Amino acid sequence: MQDVNSDEKYMRLALAEAQEAARRDEVPIGAVIVCQDRVIARGHNLTETLTDVTAHAEMQAITSAASFLGGKYLTDCTLYVTVEPCLMCAGALGWSQISRVVFGASDDKRGYHTFCEKPFHKKTQVVGGVLADECAKLMTDFFKNKR
């Protein structure tokens, strides 16, 4: 079980990834994957850059982590992501058998919970609300500037 300080520490790294996405004029969502207290993957949204609707932060991090580990399963890993995963990302995380998913801000429009209660592997632990205000503010500010 992770402690709150560790969760906040790694969420701040995910926030840095989200800020990089915003600098690139991408929706500011960032993700990091941690295995045995070591960051093994990072990602941020690249949907505009790659003209690919599947290039979400989580998908970038999952691909990178699987490559690092040399296999498709992310057991013993934790994903930290600034916004609740969408159903696509939640499904991919389920297939990866990731041990934990920690997210910041909830997403009442496109987050997995609006479509499906339990899309993850049955052993996956989910924690929401870590640095939620900071994560939500980044999103709110980004879209306010777009208008």
N, C-alpha and C. Protein backbone atom coordinates (compact mmCIF):
# COMPACT_ATOMS: atom_id res chain seq x y z
N MET A 1 0.84 -1.19 0.00
CA MET A 1 0.00 0.00 0.00
C MET A 1 0.89 1.25 0.00
N GLN A 2 0.61 2.16 -0.90
CA GLN A 2 1.37 3.41 -0.99
C GLN A 2 0.86 4.38 0.07
N ASP A 3 1.73 5.27 0.52
CA ASP A 3 1.26 6.30 1.43
C ASP A 3 0.89 7.55 0.63
N VAL A 4 0.19 8.45 1.29
CA VAL A 4 -0.32 9.66 0.63
C VAL A 4 0.83 10.50 0.07
N ASN A 5 1.94 10.60 0.81
CA ASN A 5 3.08 11.39 0.34
C ASN A 5 3.65 10.85 -0.96
N SER A 6 3.76 9.53 -1.08
CA SER A 6 4.24 8.93 -2.33
C SER A 6 3.28 9.21 -3.47
N ASP A 7 1.99 9.07 -3.21
CA ASP A 7 1.01 9.34 -4.25
C ASP A 7 1.10 10.79 -4.72
N GLU A 8 1.24 11.71 -3.79
CA GLU A 8 1.35 13.13 -4.17
C GLU A 8 2.65 13.39 -4.93
N LYS A 9 3.73 12.78 -4.49
CA LYS A 9 5.03 12.94 -5.16
C LYS A 9 4.93 12.53 -6.63
N TYR A 10 4.38 11.37 -6.88
CA TYR A 10 4.29 10.88 -8.26
C TYR A 10 3.23 11.63 -9.07
N MET A 11 2.16 12.08 -8.39
CA MET A 11 1.16 12.87 -9.10
C MET A 11 1.76 14.20 -9.56
N ARG A 12 2.67 14.75 -8.79
CA ARG A 12 3.34 15.99 -9.21
C ARG A 12 4.16 15.76 -10.49
N LEU A 13 4.73 14.58 -10.64
CA LEU A 13 5.43 14.25 -11.89
C LEU A 13 4.44 14.14 -13.04
N ALA A 14 3.28 13.58 -12.78
CA ALA A 14 2.24 13.52 -13.81
C ALA A 14 1.77 14.93 -14.17
N LEU A 15 1.66 15.79 -13.18
CA LEU A 15 1.29 17.19 -13.44
C LEU A 15 2.33 17.88 -14.33
N ALA A 16 3.60 17.57 -14.13
CA ALA A 16 4.65 18.15 -14.99
C ALA A 16 4.47 17.68 -16.42
N GLU A 17 4.08 16.43 -16.61
CA GLU A 17 3.79 15.92 -17.96
C GLU A 17 2.59 16.65 -18.55
N ALA A 18 1.57 16.89 -17.74
CA ALA A 18 0.38 17.61 -18.21
C ALA A 18 0.74 19.03 -18.62
N GLN A 19 1.63 19.66 -17.88
CA GLN A 19 2.06 21.01 -18.23
C GLN A 19 2.83 21.01 -19.55
N GLU A 20 3.59 19.96 -19.80
CA GLU A 20 4.28 19.84 -21.09
C GLU A 20 3.26 19.71 -22.22
N ALA A 21 2.20 18.94 -21.99
CA ALA A 21 1.14 18.82 -22.99
C ALA A 21 0.54 20.19 -23.28
N ALA A 22 0.26 20.95 -22.24
CA ALA A 22 -0.32 22.28 -22.43
C ALA A 22 0.62 23.18 -23.23
N ARG A 23 1.92 23.09 -22.96
CA ARG A 23 2.89 23.89 -23.73
C ARG A 23 2.85 23.54 -25.22
N ARG A 24 2.47 22.31 -25.51
CA ARG A 24 2.38 21.86 -26.90
C ARG A 24 0.98 22.06 -27.48
N ASP A 25 0.13 22.75 -26.73
CA ASP A 25 -1.26 23.00 -27.11
C ASP A 25 -2.07 21.71 -27.22
N GLU A 26 -1.72 20.76 -26.38
CA GLU A 26 -2.46 19.50 -26.25
C GLU A 26 -3.31 19.60 -24.98
N VAL A 27 -4.40 18.85 -24.92
CA VAL A 27 -5.18 18.80 -23.69
C VAL A 27 -4.24 18.37 -22.56
N PRO A 28 -4.17 19.13 -21.47
CA PRO A 28 -3.14 18.91 -20.46
C PRO A 28 -3.42 17.76 -19.50
N ILE A 29 -3.16 16.58 -19.99
CA ILE A 29 -3.25 15.39 -19.16
C ILE A 29 -1.89 14.71 -19.21
N GLY A 30 -1.40 14.34 -18.03
CA GLY A 30 -0.10 13.69 -17.93
C GLY A 30 -0.20 12.42 -17.12
N ALA A 31 0.76 11.52 -17.38
CA ALA A 31 0.77 10.23 -16.69
C ALA A 31 2.20 9.77 -16.44
N VAL A 32 2.38 9.07 -15.35
CA VAL A 32 3.63 8.36 -15.09
C VAL A 32 3.28 6.98 -14.57
N ILE A 33 4.15 6.02 -14.86
CA ILE A 33 3.99 4.67 -14.32
C ILE A 33 5.20 4.37 -13.46
N VAL A 34 4.91 3.88 -12.26
CA VAL A 34 5.93 3.60 -11.27
C VAL A 34 5.92 2.10 -10.97
N CYS A 35 7.13 1.53 -10.91
CA CYS A 35 7.29 0.13 -10.56
C CYS A 35 8.42 0.04 -9.53
N GLN A 36 8.12 -0.52 -8.39
CA GLN A 36 9.10 -0.66 -7.30
C GLN A 36 9.77 0.68 -6.99
N ASP A 37 8.96 1.69 -6.79
CA ASP A 37 9.41 3.05 -6.43
C ASP A 37 10.33 3.68 -7.47
N ARG A 38 10.17 3.29 -8.71
CA ARG A 38 10.98 3.84 -9.80
C ARG A 38 10.05 4.21 -10.96
N VAL A 39 10.19 5.43 -11.46
CA VAL A 39 9.40 5.84 -12.63
C VAL A 39 9.96 5.11 -13.84
N ILE A 40 9.10 4.31 -14.49
CA ILE A 40 9.55 3.55 -15.66
C ILE A 40 8.96 4.08 -16.96
N ALA A 41 7.96 4.96 -16.85
CA ALA A 41 7.33 5.50 -18.06
C ALA A 41 6.66 6.82 -17.76
N ARG A 42 6.63 7.67 -18.76
CA ARG A 42 5.96 8.96 -18.69
C ARG A 42 5.20 9.16 -19.98
N GLY A 43 4.17 9.97 -19.90
CA GLY A 43 3.44 10.30 -21.12
C GLY A 43 2.53 11.48 -20.90
N HIS A 44 2.20 12.14 -21.99
CA HIS A 44 1.20 13.21 -21.97
C HIS A 44 0.44 13.12 -23.29
N ASN A 45 -0.69 13.79 -23.32
CA ASN A 45 -1.51 13.73 -24.51
C ASN A 45 -0.71 14.17 -25.73
N LEU A 46 -0.87 13.43 -26.82
CA LEU A 46 -0.23 13.76 -28.10
C LEU A 46 -1.22 13.60 -29.25
N THR A 47 -2.52 13.74 -28.96
CA THR A 47 -3.52 13.49 -29.99
C THR A 47 -3.44 14.47 -31.15
N GLU A 48 -3.13 15.72 -30.85
CA GLU A 48 -2.99 16.73 -31.91
C GLU A 48 -1.68 16.54 -32.67
N THR A 49 -0.61 16.35 -31.95
CA THR A 49 0.72 16.19 -32.54
C THR A 49 0.77 15.00 -33.49
N LEU A 50 0.20 13.88 -33.04
CA LEU A 50 0.24 12.65 -33.83
C LEU A 50 -1.00 12.45 -34.71
N THR A 51 -1.95 13.39 -34.64
CA THR A 51 -3.25 13.24 -35.30
C THR A 51 -3.79 11.82 -35.09
N ASP A 52 -3.87 11.46 -33.82
CA ASP A 52 -4.27 10.12 -33.42
C ASP A 52 -5.14 10.22 -32.17
N VAL A 53 -6.41 9.88 -32.31
CA VAL A 53 -7.33 10.00 -31.18
C VAL A 53 -6.99 9.04 -30.03
N THR A 54 -6.16 8.04 -30.28
CA THR A 54 -5.79 7.11 -29.22
C THR A 54 -4.51 7.53 -28.49
N ALA A 55 -3.92 8.63 -28.85
CA ALA A 55 -2.63 9.04 -28.27
C ALA A 55 -2.80 9.77 -26.94
N HIS A 56 -3.60 9.18 -26.06
CA HIS A 56 -3.81 9.74 -24.73
C HIS A 56 -2.58 9.51 -23.87
N ALA A 57 -2.45 10.30 -22.81
CA ALA A 57 -1.31 10.20 -21.90
C ALA A 57 -1.14 8.78 -21.36
N GLU A 58 -2.25 8.18 -20.95
CA GLU A 58 -2.18 6.82 -20.39
C GLU A 58 -1.68 5.82 -21.43
N MET A 59 -2.16 5.94 -22.65
CA MET A 59 -1.75 5.01 -23.71
C MET A 59 -0.26 5.15 -24.01
N GLN A 60 0.22 6.40 -24.02
CA GLN A 60 1.65 6.63 -24.23
C GLN A 60 2.46 5.97 -23.11
N ALA A 61 2.01 6.14 -21.88
CA ALA A 61 2.72 5.58 -20.73
C ALA A 61 2.65 4.05 -20.71
N ILE A 62 1.51 3.49 -21.03
CA ILE A 62 1.36 2.03 -21.05
C ILE A 62 2.34 1.42 -22.06
N THR A 63 2.37 1.98 -23.26
CA THR A 63 3.26 1.47 -24.30
C THR A 63 4.72 1.55 -23.87
N SER A 64 5.09 2.68 -23.30
CA SER A 64 6.46 2.88 -22.84
C SER A 64 6.82 1.91 -21.71
N ALA A 65 5.92 1.73 -20.75
CA ALA A 65 6.17 0.83 -19.62
C ALA A 65 6.29 -0.62 -20.09
N ALA A 66 5.42 -1.05 -20.99
CA ALA A 66 5.49 -2.42 -21.51
C ALA A 66 6.81 -2.65 -22.23
N SER A 67 7.24 -1.66 -22.98
CA SER A 67 8.53 -1.76 -23.67
C SER A 67 9.68 -1.86 -22.66
N PHE A 68 9.63 -1.03 -21.64
CA PHE A 68 10.67 -1.04 -20.60
C PHE A 68 10.74 -2.40 -19.90
N LEU A 69 9.56 -2.95 -19.57
CA LEU A 69 9.51 -4.22 -18.83
C LEU A 69 9.69 -5.43 -19.73
N GLY A 70 9.51 -5.25 -21.03
CA GLY A 70 9.65 -6.37 -21.95
C GLY A 70 8.46 -7.31 -21.96
N GLY A 71 7.30 -6.80 -21.62
CA GLY A 71 6.09 -7.62 -21.61
C GLY A 71 4.86 -6.75 -21.50
N LYS A 72 3.71 -7.33 -21.80
CA LYS A 72 2.48 -6.54 -21.85
C LYS A 72 1.80 -6.33 -20.50
N TYR A 73 2.19 -7.08 -19.49
CA TYR A 73 1.53 -6.97 -18.20
C TYR A 73 2.27 -6.00 -17.28
N LEU A 74 1.50 -5.15 -16.62
CA LEU A 74 2.05 -4.13 -15.74
C LEU A 74 1.70 -4.43 -14.28
N THR A 75 1.75 -5.71 -13.93
CA THR A 75 1.53 -6.08 -12.53
C THR A 75 2.67 -5.47 -11.71
N ASP A 76 2.38 -5.15 -10.50
CA ASP A 76 3.34 -4.49 -9.61
C ASP A 76 3.66 -3.06 -10.04
N CYS A 77 2.82 -2.46 -10.86
CA CYS A 77 3.01 -1.08 -11.30
C CYS A 77 1.82 -0.23 -10.88
N THR A 78 2.07 1.07 -10.76
CA THR A 78 1.02 2.04 -10.47
C THR A 78 1.05 3.12 -11.53
N LEU A 79 -0.12 3.43 -12.08
CA LEU A 79 -0.28 4.56 -13.00
C LEU A 79 -0.76 5.76 -12.20
N TYR A 80 -0.09 6.89 -12.40
CA TYR A 80 -0.55 8.17 -11.85
C TYR A 80 -0.95 9.00 -13.05
N VAL A 81 -2.19 9.48 -13.05
CA VAL A 81 -2.69 10.28 -14.17
C VAL A 81 -3.50 11.43 -13.62
N THR A 82 -3.37 12.59 -14.25
CA THR A 82 -3.95 13.81 -13.70
C THR A 82 -5.47 13.87 -13.79
N VAL A 83 -6.04 13.16 -14.73
CA VAL A 83 -7.50 13.15 -14.91
C VAL A 83 -7.96 11.70 -15.01
N GLU A 84 -9.12 11.44 -14.47
CA GLU A 84 -9.72 10.10 -14.52
C GLU A 84 -9.64 9.54 -15.95
N PRO A 85 -9.15 8.32 -16.11
CA PRO A 85 -9.04 7.74 -17.45
C PRO A 85 -10.41 7.62 -18.15
N CYS A 86 -10.37 7.79 -19.46
CA CYS A 86 -11.57 7.54 -20.26
C CYS A 86 -11.77 6.03 -20.36
N LEU A 87 -12.87 5.62 -20.95
CA LEU A 87 -13.17 4.20 -21.05
C LEU A 87 -12.13 3.46 -21.89
N MET A 88 -11.63 4.07 -22.97
CA MET A 88 -10.60 3.44 -23.80
C MET A 88 -9.35 3.14 -22.97
N CYS A 89 -8.88 4.16 -22.25
CA CYS A 89 -7.67 3.99 -21.45
C CYS A 89 -7.90 3.02 -20.30
N ALA A 90 -9.06 3.09 -19.69
CA ALA A 90 -9.39 2.16 -18.60
C ALA A 90 -9.38 0.73 -19.11
N GLY A 91 -9.91 0.51 -20.31
CA GLY A 91 -9.89 -0.82 -20.89
C GLY A 91 -8.47 -1.32 -21.13
N ALA A 92 -7.62 -0.45 -21.67
CA ALA A 92 -6.22 -0.82 -21.90
C ALA A 92 -5.53 -1.12 -20.58
N LEU A 93 -5.82 -0.32 -19.56
CA LEU A 93 -5.23 -0.56 -18.24
C LEU A 93 -5.72 -1.89 -17.68
N GLY A 94 -6.97 -2.22 -17.93
CA GLY A 94 -7.50 -3.51 -17.51
C GLY A 94 -6.76 -4.66 -18.16
N TRP A 95 -6.55 -4.57 -19.47
CA TRP A 95 -5.82 -5.61 -20.19
C TRP A 95 -4.37 -5.71 -19.71
N SER A 96 -3.80 -4.60 -19.25
CA SER A 96 -2.41 -4.61 -18.79
C SER A 96 -2.26 -5.24 -17.40
N GLN A 97 -3.38 -5.41 -16.71
CA GLN A 97 -3.40 -5.96 -15.35
C GLN A 97 -2.59 -5.09 -14.37
N ILE A 98 -2.61 -3.79 -14.59
CA ILE A 98 -1.89 -2.88 -13.70
C ILE A 98 -2.43 -3.03 -12.27
N SER A 99 -1.55 -2.88 -11.30
CA SER A 99 -1.94 -3.10 -9.91
C SER A 99 -2.73 -1.95 -9.30
N ARG A 100 -2.32 -0.72 -9.64
CA ARG A 100 -2.99 0.46 -9.07
C ARG A 100 -3.16 1.52 -10.12
N VAL A 101 -4.26 2.25 -10.01
CA VAL A 101 -4.51 3.45 -10.81
C VAL A 101 -4.82 4.56 -9.83
N VAL A 102 -4.03 5.63 -9.92
CA VAL A 102 -4.23 6.80 -9.06
C VAL A 102 -4.49 7.98 -9.98
N PHE A 103 -5.65 8.63 -9.81
CA PHE A 103 -5.93 9.78 -10.66
C PHE A 103 -6.22 11.01 -9.81
N GLY A 104 -6.08 12.16 -10.46
CA GLY A 104 -6.31 13.43 -9.79
C GLY A 104 -7.77 13.84 -9.88
N ALA A 105 -8.10 14.58 -10.93
CA ALA A 105 -9.45 15.12 -11.10
C ALA A 105 -10.39 14.08 -11.72
N SER A 106 -11.62 14.07 -11.26
CA SER A 106 -12.65 13.24 -11.90
C SER A 106 -13.07 13.90 -13.20
N ASP A 107 -13.61 13.10 -14.10
CA ASP A 107 -14.11 13.60 -15.38
C ASP A 107 -15.54 13.11 -15.56
N ASP A 108 -16.50 13.97 -15.22
CA ASP A 108 -17.90 13.58 -15.27
C ASP A 108 -18.47 13.49 -16.68
N LYS A 109 -17.74 13.97 -17.68
CA LYS A 109 -18.22 13.88 -19.07
C LYS A 109 -17.67 12.65 -19.78
N ARG A 110 -16.37 12.40 -19.63
CA ARG A 110 -15.74 11.33 -20.41
C ARG A 110 -14.98 10.30 -19.57
N GLY A 111 -14.99 10.45 -18.26
CA GLY A 111 -14.31 9.49 -17.40
C GLY A 111 -14.99 8.13 -17.44
N TYR A 112 -14.21 7.09 -17.19
CA TYR A 112 -14.73 5.72 -17.28
C TYR A 112 -15.96 5.50 -16.42
N HIS A 113 -16.04 6.17 -15.26
CA HIS A 113 -17.14 5.90 -14.33
C HIS A 113 -18.51 6.28 -14.90
N THR A 114 -18.54 7.15 -15.91
CA THR A 114 -19.83 7.51 -16.49
C THR A 114 -20.36 6.41 -17.42
N PHE A 115 -19.49 5.48 -17.80
CA PHE A 115 -19.87 4.41 -18.73
C PHE A 115 -19.84 3.03 -18.12
N CYS A 116 -18.93 2.83 -17.16
CA CYS A 116 -18.69 1.49 -16.64
C CYS A 116 -18.14 1.59 -15.23
N GLU A 117 -18.68 0.80 -14.33
CA GLU A 117 -18.25 0.90 -12.94
C GLU A 117 -16.87 0.30 -12.69
N LYS A 118 -16.59 -0.85 -13.31
CA LYS A 118 -15.33 -1.56 -13.02
C LYS A 118 -14.67 -2.06 -14.30
N PRO A 119 -14.00 -1.18 -15.04
CA PRO A 119 -13.36 -1.62 -16.29
C PRO A 119 -11.97 -2.23 -16.08
N PHE A 120 -11.42 -2.09 -14.88
CA PHE A 120 -10.06 -2.54 -14.62
C PHE A 120 -10.02 -4.02 -14.26
N HIS A 121 -8.83 -4.57 -14.19
CA HIS A 121 -8.64 -5.94 -13.73
C HIS A 121 -9.20 -6.06 -12.31
N LYS A 122 -9.70 -7.22 -11.98
CA LYS A 122 -10.37 -7.38 -10.68
C LYS A 122 -9.45 -7.10 -9.48
N LYS A 123 -8.13 -7.21 -9.66
CA LYS A 123 -7.20 -6.95 -8.56
C LYS A 123 -6.69 -5.51 -8.53
N THR A 124 -7.04 -4.71 -9.51
CA THR A 124 -6.55 -3.33 -9.58
C THR A 124 -7.19 -2.48 -8.48
N GLN A 125 -6.36 -1.76 -7.75
CA GLN A 125 -6.84 -0.81 -6.76
C GLN A 125 -6.91 0.56 -7.44
N VAL A 126 -7.98 1.29 -7.17
CA VAL A 126 -8.17 2.62 -7.76
C VAL A 126 -8.29 3.65 -6.65
N VAL A 127 -7.53 4.73 -6.80
CA VAL A 127 -7.57 5.84 -5.86
C VAL A 127 -7.79 7.10 -6.67
N GLY A 128 -8.80 7.87 -6.33
CA GLY A 128 -9.08 9.12 -7.02
C GLY A 128 -8.92 10.31 -6.09
N GLY A 129 -8.76 11.47 -6.68
CA GLY A 129 -8.76 12.70 -5.91
C GLY A 129 -7.40 13.16 -5.40
N VAL A 130 -6.31 12.55 -5.85
CA VAL A 130 -4.98 12.97 -5.41
C VAL A 130 -4.60 14.26 -6.14
N LEU A 131 -4.39 15.32 -5.38
CA LEU A 131 -4.11 16.65 -5.93
C LEU A 131 -5.19 17.06 -6.95
N ALA A 132 -6.42 16.70 -6.65
CA ALA A 132 -7.53 16.91 -7.58
C ALA A 132 -7.70 18.38 -7.97
N ASP A 133 -7.58 19.29 -7.02
CA ASP A 133 -7.78 20.71 -7.33
C ASP A 133 -6.74 21.23 -8.32
N GLU A 134 -5.48 20.85 -8.11
CA GLU A 134 -4.42 21.28 -9.03
C GLU A 134 -4.61 20.69 -10.42
N CYS A 135 -4.99 19.43 -10.45
CA CYS A 135 -5.21 18.76 -11.74
C CYS A 135 -6.39 19.39 -12.48
N ALA A 136 -7.47 19.65 -11.77
CA ALA A 136 -8.66 20.25 -12.38
C ALA A 136 -8.38 21.67 -12.85
N LYS A 137 -7.62 22.43 -12.08
CA LYS A 137 -7.31 23.82 -12.45
C LYS A 137 -6.53 23.88 -13.76
N LEU A 138 -5.61 22.96 -13.95
CA LEU A 138 -4.84 22.93 -15.19
C LEU A 138 -5.77 22.73 -16.39
N MET A 139 -6.73 21.84 -16.24
CA MET A 139 -7.70 21.60 -17.32
C MET A 139 -8.59 22.83 -17.54
N THR A 140 -9.13 23.37 -16.45
CA THR A 140 -10.02 24.52 -16.53
C THR A 140 -9.32 25.72 -17.18
N ASP A 141 -8.11 25.99 -16.75
CA ASP A 141 -7.35 27.11 -17.31
C ASP A 141 -7.07 26.90 -18.79
N PHE A 142 -6.74 25.68 -19.17
CA PHE A 142 -6.44 25.38 -20.58
C PHE A 142 -7.66 25.68 -21.46
N PHE A 143 -8.82 25.17 -21.05
CA PHE A 143 -10.01 25.37 -21.88
C PHE A 143 -10.54 26.80 -21.80
N LYS A 144 -10.32 27.49 -20.69
CA LYS A 144 -10.69 28.90 -20.59
C LYS A 144 -9.89 29.72 -21.60
N ASN A 145 -8.62 29.41 -21.74
CA ASN A 145 -7.76 30.11 -22.70
C ASN A 145 -8.11 29.77 -24.14
N LYS A 146 -8.75 28.66 -24.38
CA LYS A 146 -9.16 28.26 -25.73
C LYS A 146 -10.37 29.04 -26.21
N ARG A 147 -11.17 29.54 -25.28
CA ARG A 147 -12.43 30.20 -25.64
C ARG A 147 -12.21 31.63 -26.05
